[in-house]
C-alpha atoms as a PDB file:
ATOM      1  CA  MET A   1      -0.086   0.107   0.218  1.00  0.00           C
ATOM      2  CA  SER A   2       1.583   3.158  -0.746  1.00  0.00           C
ATOM      3  CA  LYS A   3       1.259   5.698   2.183  1.00  0.00           C
ATOM      4  CA  MET A   4      -0.240   8.932   1.238  1.00  0.00           C
ATOM      5  CA  LYS A   5       0.356  12.557   2.646  1.00  0.00           C
ATOM      6  CA  ILE A   6      -2.886  13.689   4.569  1.00  0.00           C
ATOM      7  CA  ASN A   7      -4.498  16.462   3.856  1.00  0.00           C
ATOM      8  CA  TRP A   8      -6.833  17.680   6.353  1.00  0.00           C
ATOM      9  CA  GLN A   9      -8.910  20.388   5.106  1.00  0.00           C
ATOM     10  CA  ARG A  10     -11.344  22.522   7.152  1.00  0.00           C
ATOM     11  CA  ASP A  11     -15.037  24.208   5.753  1.00  0.00           C
ATOM     12  CA  HIS A  12     -15.778  27.120   6.990  1.00  0.00           C
ATOM     13  CA  TRP A  13     -17.027  26.329  10.316  1.00  0.00           C
ATOM     14  CA  GLY A  14     -14.256  24.854  11.515  1.00  0.00           C
ATOM     15  CA  ASN A  15     -15.024  20.633  10.789  1.00  0.00           C
ATOM     16  CA  GLU A  16     -11.718  19.550   9.686  1.00  0.00           C
ATOM     17  CA  TYR A  17     -12.294  16.619   6.680  1.00  0.00           C
ATOM     18  CA  ILE A  18      -9.929  14.411   4.599  1.00  0.00           C
ATOM     19  CA  ILE A  19     -10.820  13.187   1.562  1.00  0.00           C
ATOM     20  CA  LEU A  20     -11.032   9.278   1.110  1.00  0.00           C
ATOM     21  CA  GLY A  21      -8.284   8.128  -1.953  1.00  0.00           C
ATOM     22  CA  ASP A  22      -6.668  10.711  -4.323  1.00  0.00           C
ATOM     23  CA  PRO A  23      -7.254  14.132  -4.248  1.00  0.00           C
ATOM     24  CA  PRO A  24      -9.782  15.378  -7.734  1.00  0.00           C
ATOM     25  CA  LYS A  25      -8.726  16.375 -10.320  1.00  0.00           C
ATOM     26  CA  LYS A  26     -10.607  18.617 -11.502  1.00  0.00           C
ATOM     27  CA  THR A  27     -13.017  21.205 -10.377  1.00  0.00           C
ATOM     28  CA  THR A  28     -16.871  20.279 -10.292  1.00  0.00           C
ATOM     29  CA  TYR A  29     -18.937  22.546 -10.616  1.00  0.00           C
ATOM     30  CA  ARG A  30     -22.508  22.616  -9.230  1.00  0.00           C
ATOM     31  CA  TYR A  31     -24.328  22.378 -12.837  1.00  0.00           C
ATOM     32  CA  THR A  32     -22.899  19.759 -16.229  1.00  0.00           C
ATOM     33  CA  ILE A  33     -23.411  19.919 -19.350  1.00  0.00           C
ATOM     34  CA  VAL A  34     -24.485  16.553 -20.455  1.00  0.00           C
ATOM     35  CA  GLY A  35     -25.579  16.437 -24.147  1.00  0.00           C
ATOM     36  CA  ASP A  36     -28.558  18.467 -24.622  1.00  0.00           C
ATOM     37  CA  ARG A  37     -28.888  18.778 -20.939  1.00  0.00           C
ATOM     38  CA  VAL A  38     -27.740  20.434 -17.574  1.00  0.00           C
ATOM     39  CA  GLU A  39     -27.349  18.900 -14.008  1.00  0.00           C
ATOM     40  CA  GLU A  40     -27.087  19.170 -11.179  1.00  0.00           C
ATOM     41  CA  ILE A  41     -24.563  17.921  -9.048  1.00  0.00           C
ATOM     42  CA  LYS A  42     -25.580  17.684  -5.142  1.00  0.00           C
ATOM     43  CA  GLU A  43     -23.558  16.771  -2.300  1.00  0.00           C
ATOM     44  CA  VAL A  44     -26.013  14.830  -0.285  1.00  0.00           C
ATOM     45  CA  VAL A  45     -24.757  12.222   3.395  1.00  0.00           C
ATOM     46  CA  VAL A  46     -23.727   8.849   2.558  1.00  0.00           C
ATOM     47  CA  HIS A  47     -22.857   7.669   6.525  1.00  0.00           C
ATOM     48  CA  THR A  48     -22.333   9.270   9.506  1.00  0.00           C
ATOM     49  CA  PHE A  49     -21.851   7.134  13.133  1.00  0.00           C
ATOM     50  CA  THR A  50     -20.108   8.542  16.118  1.00  0.00           C
ATOM     51  CA  MET A  51     -17.011   7.641  18.267  1.00  0.00           C
ATOM     52  CA  GLY A  52     -16.733   8.352  22.047  1.00  0.00           C
ATOM     53  CA  ASP A  53     -13.919  10.488  23.113  1.00  0.00           C
ATOM     54  CA  VAL A  54     -10.536   8.510  22.792  1.00  0.00           C
ATOM     55  CA  ASP A  55      -7.459   9.612  22.481  1.00  0.00           C
ATOM     56  CA  ASP A  56      -7.456   9.629  18.930  1.00  0.00           C
ATOM     57  CA  PRO A  57     -10.890   9.236  17.345  1.00  0.00           C
ATOM     58  CA  ASP A  58      -9.223   8.976  13.387  1.00  0.00           C
ATOM     59  CA  LEU A  59      -7.532   5.970  14.153  1.00  0.00           C
ATOM     60  CA  TYR A  60     -10.500   4.639  15.979  1.00  0.00           C
ATOM     61  CA  ALA A  61     -12.952   5.459  13.214  1.00  0.00           C
ATOM     62  CA  ALA A  62     -10.328   4.004  10.303  1.00  0.00           C
ATOM     63  CA  GLN A  63     -12.498   0.212  10.944  1.00  0.00           C
ATOM     64  CA  PRO A  64     -15.481   1.899  10.383  1.00  0.00           C
ATOM     65  CA  LEU A  65     -14.772   3.355   7.727  1.00  0.00           C
ATOM     66  CA  TRP A  66     -12.544   0.860   5.816  1.00  0.00           C
ATOM     67  CA  GLU A  67     -15.755  -1.822   6.974  1.00  0.00           C
ATOM     68  CA  TRP A  68     -18.573   0.800   5.430  1.00  0.00           C
ATOM     69  CA  GLN A  69     -16.581   1.652   2.617  1.00  0.00           C
ATOM     70  CA  GLU A  70     -15.614  -2.604   1.973  1.00  0.00           C
ATOM     71  CA  SER A  71     -19.687  -2.590   2.433  1.00  0.00           C
ATOM     72  CA  GLU A  72     -21.369  -2.881  -0.483  1.00  0.00           C
ATOM     73  CA  GLN A  73     -23.418   0.311  -0.266  1.00  0.00           C
ATOM     74  CA  GLY A  74     -19.558   2.121  -0.026  1.00  0.00           C
ATOM     75  CA  LYS A  75     -18.768   0.057  -3.121  1.00  0.00           C
ATOM     76  CA  TRP A  76     -21.669   1.312  -5.136  1.00  0.00           C
ATOM     77  CA  VAL A  77     -20.368   4.857  -3.578  1.00  0.00           C
ATOM     78  CA  MET A  78     -17.201   5.221  -4.708  1.00  0.00           C
ATOM     79  CA  GLU A  79     -18.203   3.908  -8.062  1.00  0.00           C
ATOM     80  CA  TYR A  80     -20.978   6.176  -8.811  1.00  0.00           C
ATOM     81  CA  ALA A  81     -20.637   9.044  -7.184  1.00  0.00           C
ATOM     82  CA  VAL A  82     -18.489  11.975  -9.493  1.00  0.00           C
ATOM     83  CA  GLU A  83     -15.379  13.206  -6.708  1.00  0.00           C
ATOM     84  CA  THR A  84     -14.130  10.694  -3.863  1.00  0.00           C
ATOM     85  CA  PRO A  85     -16.292  10.424  -1.377  1.00  0.00           C
ATOM     86  CA  VAL A  86     -15.105  13.247   1.610  1.00  0.00           C
ATOM     87  CA  TRP A  87     -15.362  12.213   5.551  1.00  0.00           C
ATOM     88  CA  HIS A  88     -15.843  15.191   7.909  1.00  0.00           C
ATOM     89  CA  ARG A  89     -15.434  15.270  11.855  1.00  0.00           C
ATOM     90  CA  MET A  90     -17.020  17.861  14.210  1.00  0.00           C
ATOM     91  CA  VAL A  91     -17.288  17.290  17.625  1.00  0.00           C
ATOM     92  CA  ASP A  92     -20.286  16.153  19.873  1.00  0.00           C
ATOM     93  CA  HIS A  93     -21.149  18.202  22.248  1.00  0.00           C
ATOM     94  CA  PHE A  94     -24.345  16.090  22.750  1.00  0.00           C
ATOM     95  CA  ASP A  95     -22.623  13.009  23.451  1.00  0.00           C
ATOM     96  CA  ARG A  96     -18.775  14.578  23.960  1.00  0.00           C
ATOM     97  CA  GLY A  97     -17.148  12.588  21.297  1.00  0.00           C
ATOM     98  CA  TYR A  98     -17.116  13.143  17.851  1.00  0.00           C
ATOM     99  CA  ARG A  99     -19.948  12.515  14.973  1.00  0.00           C
ATOM    100  CA  TYR A 100     -18.246  10.845  11.180  1.00  0.00           C
ATOM    101  CA  LYS A 101     -19.895  11.108   8.337  1.00  0.00           C
ATOM    102  CA  VAL A 102     -19.373  10.743   4.933  1.00  0.00           C
ATOM    103  CA  THR A 103     -20.730  12.963   1.993  1.00  0.00           C
ATOM    104  CA  ALA A 104     -20.558  12.513  -1.805  1.00  0.00           C
ATOM    105  CA  LYS A 105     -21.482  14.047  -4.807  1.00  0.00           C
ATOM    106  CA  PHE A 106     -24.072  12.723  -7.375  1.00  0.00           C
ATOM    107  CA  GLN A 107     -25.940  13.644 -11.343  1.00  0.00           C
ATOM    108  CA  GLY A 108     -28.617  12.792 -12.842  1.00  0.00           C
ATOM    109  CA  ALA A 109     -29.761   9.065 -12.813  1.00  0.00           C
ATOM    110  CA  ARG A 110     -27.072   7.803 -10.400  1.00  0.00           C
ATOM    111  CA  LEU A 111     -28.663  10.548  -7.615  1.00  0.00           C
ATOM    112  CA  THR A 112     -32.324   9.581  -8.355  1.00  0.00           C
ATOM    113  CA  GLU A 113     -31.255   6.011  -8.065  1.00  0.00           C
ATOM    114  CA  TRP A 114     -29.670   7.241  -4.264  1.00  0.00           C
ATOM    115  CA  LEU A 115     -32.524   8.808  -3.206  1.00  0.00           C
ATOM    116  CA  LEU A 116     -34.600   6.422  -3.809  1.00  0.00           C
ATOM    117  CA  ARG A 117     -32.190   3.427  -2.669  1.00  0.00           C
ATOM    118  CA  HIS A 118     -31.370   5.150   0.864  1.00  0.00           C
ATOM    119  CA  THR A 119     -33.975   7.538   1.887  1.00  0.00           C
ATOM    120  CA  LYS A 120     -37.104   6.637   4.516  1.00  0.00           C
END
């Protein structure tokens, strides 16, 4: 397995996140042209879990992230997402730990398929 540099990023709310896999090689815009129509790209939360107050939460979060990525749902997301999915770490003040969420960007038929399969 190759060693890759972990590139931590921070959003405008102060939450830290890291990209699963290689960083995106292109800029993804909100809208894209497919054939003769314009399609919107939406970012959706595809997986969430909580982590207790541990010394190194990212080290402990690696196992649930890997298990999700190797599941049927995770493999589908990794295959059909417009960009590589990203995981975010947030402080969970209610549970005094951390909340992790994985987000992915989908467009068109794949977005519809995701919403039909995984929304309640």
